[in-house]
Amino acid sequence: MFDIGFAELVLLMLVGLLVLGPEKLPRVARDAGLYLRKARRAWNQMRHSIEQELDATEMRRALEQTQESAQAAVDELKQSINPESSVANDDEGDDKDG
């Protein structure tokens, strides 16, 4: 996450010891760790929910495409089975008018 080496970590600990003192430093370090864990947990939950929502959206799109292709196949099959019915229906409509 952060590119902090051992030397930088020791420097941060020394500055913290000088600023906070030996009594407050352990409590501050513990609280910082607690807040960092909470922040990571919140971030992971948010990322997980976003990924789930994206997966659901992709699944809906795939389902719609599948339904469209299935409907096209059904229409094509109906037309191949009964090609005269659509022509006959058109002819009957012409007879009624005339």
C-alpha atoms as a PDB file:
ATOM      1  CA  MET A   1       0.000   0.000   0.000  1.00  0.00           C
ATOM      2  CA  PHE A   2       2.558   2.561   1.115  1.00  0.00           C
ATOM      3  CA  ASP A   3       6.128   2.163   0.043  1.00  0.00           C
ATOM      4  CA  ILE A   4       7.666   2.583   3.504  1.00  0.00           C
ATOM      5  CA  GLY A   5      10.935   0.892   4.253  1.00  0.00           C
ATOM      6  CA  PHE A   6      12.383  -0.083   7.604  1.00  0.00           C
ATOM      7  CA  ALA A   7      14.374   3.145   7.968  1.00  0.00           C
ATOM      8  CA  GLU A   8      11.286   5.306   7.405  1.00  0.00           C
ATOM      9  CA  LEU A   9       9.293   3.207   9.877  1.00  0.00           C
ATOM     10  CA  VAL A  10      11.970   3.632  12.574  1.00  0.00           C
ATOM     11  CA  LEU A  11      12.057   7.378  11.909  1.00  0.00           C
ATOM     12  CA  LEU A  12       8.270   7.601  12.259  1.00  0.00           C
ATOM     13  CA  MET A  13       8.403   5.663  15.536  1.00  0.00           C
ATOM     14  CA  LEU A  14      11.088   7.990  16.927  1.00  0.00           C
ATOM     15  CA  VAL A  15       9.153  11.106  15.941  1.00  0.00           C
ATOM     16  CA  GLY A  16       5.999   9.627  17.480  1.00  0.00           C
ATOM     17  CA  LEU A  17       7.862   8.814  20.677  1.00  0.00           C
ATOM     18  CA  LEU A  18       9.230  12.345  20.893  1.00  0.00           C
ATOM     19  CA  VAL A  19       5.910  14.043  20.118  1.00  0.00           C
ATOM     20  CA  LEU A  20       3.526  11.833  22.102  1.00  0.00           C
ATOM     21  CA  GLY A  21       5.765  10.502  24.811  1.00  0.00           C
ATOM     22  CA  PRO A  22       6.099   6.926  26.029  1.00  0.00           C
ATOM     23  CA  GLU A  23       2.737   6.917  27.861  1.00  0.00           C
ATOM     24  CA  LYS A  24       0.490   7.911  24.955  1.00  0.00           C
ATOM     25  CA  LEU A  25       2.329   6.228  22.066  1.00  0.00           C
ATOM     26  CA  PRO A  26       1.023   2.642  22.622  1.00  0.00           C
ATOM     27  CA  ARG A  27      -2.582   3.837  22.919  1.00  0.00           C
ATOM     28  CA  VAL A  28      -2.283   6.021  19.821  1.00  0.00           C
ATOM     29  CA  ALA A  29      -0.690   3.153  17.854  1.00  0.00           C
ATOM     30  CA  ARG A  30      -3.480   0.794  18.953  1.00  0.00           C
ATOM     31  CA  ASP A  31      -6.181   3.327  17.988  1.00  0.00           C
ATOM     32  CA  ALA A  32      -4.507   3.987  14.635  1.00  0.00           C
ATOM     33  CA  GLY A  33      -4.448   0.253  13.929  1.00  0.00           C
ATOM     34  CA  LEU A  34      -8.122  -0.041  14.888  1.00  0.00           C
ATOM     35  CA  TYR A  35      -9.157   2.789  12.569  1.00  0.00           C
ATOM     36  CA  LEU A  36      -7.022   1.405   9.780  1.00  0.00           C
ATOM     37  CA  ARG A  37      -8.716  -2.012  10.118  1.00  0.00           C
ATOM     38  CA  LYS A  38     -12.143  -0.369  10.081  1.00  0.00           C
ATOM     39  CA  ALA A  39     -11.255   1.630   6.987  1.00  0.00           C
ATOM     40  CA  ARG A  40      -9.965  -1.465   5.183  1.00  0.00           C
ATOM     41  CA  ARG A  41     -13.065  -3.448   6.128  1.00  0.00           C
ATOM     42  CA  ALA A  42     -15.363  -0.662   4.900  1.00  0.00           C
ATOM     43  CA  TRP A  43     -13.404  -0.388   1.650  1.00  0.00           C
ATOM     44  CA  ASN A  44     -13.539  -4.149   1.062  1.00  0.00           C
ATOM     45  CA  GLN A  45     -17.286  -4.261   1.723  1.00  0.00           C
ATOM     46  CA  MET A  46     -17.911  -1.367  -0.652  1.00  0.00           C
ATOM     47  CA  ARG A  47     -15.740  -2.959  -3.341  1.00  0.00           C
ATOM     48  CA  HIS A  48     -17.522  -6.302  -2.884  1.00  0.00           C
ATOM     49  CA  SER A  49     -20.968  -4.712  -3.220  1.00  0.00           C
ATOM     50  CA  ILE A  50     -19.904  -2.828  -6.358  1.00  0.00           C
ATOM     51  CA  GLU A  51     -18.543  -6.040  -7.888  1.00  0.00           C
ATOM     52  CA  GLN A  52     -21.804  -7.844  -7.094  1.00  0.00           C
ATOM     53  CA  GLU A  53     -23.820  -5.063  -8.709  1.00  0.00           C
ATOM     54  CA  LEU A  54     -21.659  -5.150 -11.830  1.00  0.00           C
ATOM     55  CA  ASP A  55     -22.025  -8.923 -12.041  1.00  0.00           C
ATOM     56  CA  ALA A  56     -25.810  -8.593 -11.710  1.00  0.00           C
ATOM     57  CA  THR A  57     -25.872  -6.000 -14.495  1.00  0.00           C
ATOM     58  CA  GLU A  58     -23.810  -8.247 -16.764  1.00  0.00           C
ATOM     59  CA  MET A  59     -26.110 -11.178 -16.027  1.00  0.00           C
ATOM     60  CA  ARG A  60     -29.185  -9.072 -16.891  1.00  0.00           C
ATOM     61  CA  ARG A  61     -27.628  -8.070 -20.210  1.00  0.00           C
ATOM     62  CA  ALA A  62     -26.763 -11.668 -21.017  1.00  0.00           C
ATOM     63  CA  LEU A  63     -30.314 -12.760 -20.141  1.00  0.00           C
ATOM     64  CA  GLU A  64     -31.817 -10.076 -22.379  1.00  0.00           C
ATOM     65  CA  GLN A  65     -29.559 -11.103 -25.274  1.00  0.00           C
ATOM     66  CA  THR A  66     -30.488 -14.740 -24.751  1.00  0.00           C
ATOM     67  CA  GLN A  67     -34.198 -13.892 -24.715  1.00  0.00           C
ATOM     68  CA  GLU A  68     -33.851 -11.857 -27.897  1.00  0.00           C
ATOM     69  CA  SER A  69     -32.003 -14.626 -29.717  1.00  0.00           C
ATOM     70  CA  ALA A  70     -34.504 -17.226 -28.478  1.00  0.00           C
ATOM     71  CA  GLN A  71     -37.421 -15.089 -29.688  1.00  0.00           C
ATOM     72  CA  ALA A  72     -35.727 -14.651 -33.063  1.00  0.00           C
ATOM     73  CA  ALA A  73     -35.211 -18.410 -33.307  1.00  0.00           C
ATOM     74  CA  VAL A  74     -38.869 -19.057 -32.435  1.00  0.00           C
ATOM     75  CA  ASP A  75     -40.038 -16.547 -35.042  1.00  0.00           C
ATOM     76  CA  GLU A  76     -37.769 -18.088 -37.655  1.00  0.00           C
ATOM     77  CA  LEU A  77     -38.989 -21.581 -36.788  1.00  0.00           C
ATOM     78  CA  LYS A  78     -42.638 -20.519 -37.044  1.00  0.00           C
ATOM     79  CA  GLN A  79     -41.986 -18.957 -40.392  1.00  0.00           C
ATOM     80  CA  SER A  80     -40.160 -22.035 -41.702  1.00  0.00           C
ATOM     81  CA  ILE A  81     -42.950 -24.359 -40.548  1.00  0.00           C
ATOM     82  CA  ASN A  82     -45.832 -22.305 -41.902  1.00  0.00           C
ATOM     83  CA  PRO A  83     -44.577 -19.989 -44.661  1.00  0.00           C
ATOM     84  CA  GLU A  84     -47.964 -19.984 -46.479  1.00  0.00           C
ATOM     85  CA  SER A  85     -49.972 -18.932 -43.431  1.00  0.00           C
ATOM     86  CA  SER A  86     -48.578 -15.440 -43.477  1.00  0.00           C
ATOM     87  CA  VAL A  87     -49.226 -15.208 -47.244  1.00  0.00           C
ATOM     88  CA  ALA A  88     -52.711 -16.747 -46.856  1.00  0.00           C
ATOM     89  CA  ASN A  89     -53.584 -14.317 -44.087  1.00  0.00           C
ATOM     90  CA  ASP A  90     -52.527 -11.443 -46.298  1.00  0.00           C
ATOM     91  CA  ASP A  91     -54.669 -12.781 -49.190  1.00  0.00           C
ATOM     92  CA  GLU A  92     -57.730 -13.191 -46.943  1.00  0.00           C
ATOM     93  CA  GLY A  93     -57.400  -9.614 -45.832  1.00  0.00           C
ATOM     94  CA  ASP A  94     -57.379  -8.520 -49.490  1.00  0.00           C
ATOM     95  CA  ASP A  95     -60.527 -10.582 -50.256  1.00  0.00           C
ATOM     96  CA  LYS A  96     -62.506  -8.963 -47.471  1.00  0.00           C
ATOM     97  CA  ASP A  97     -61.777  -5.511 -48.788  1.00  0.00           C
ATOM     98  CA  GLY A  98     -62.802  -6.263 -52.381  1.00  0.00           C
END
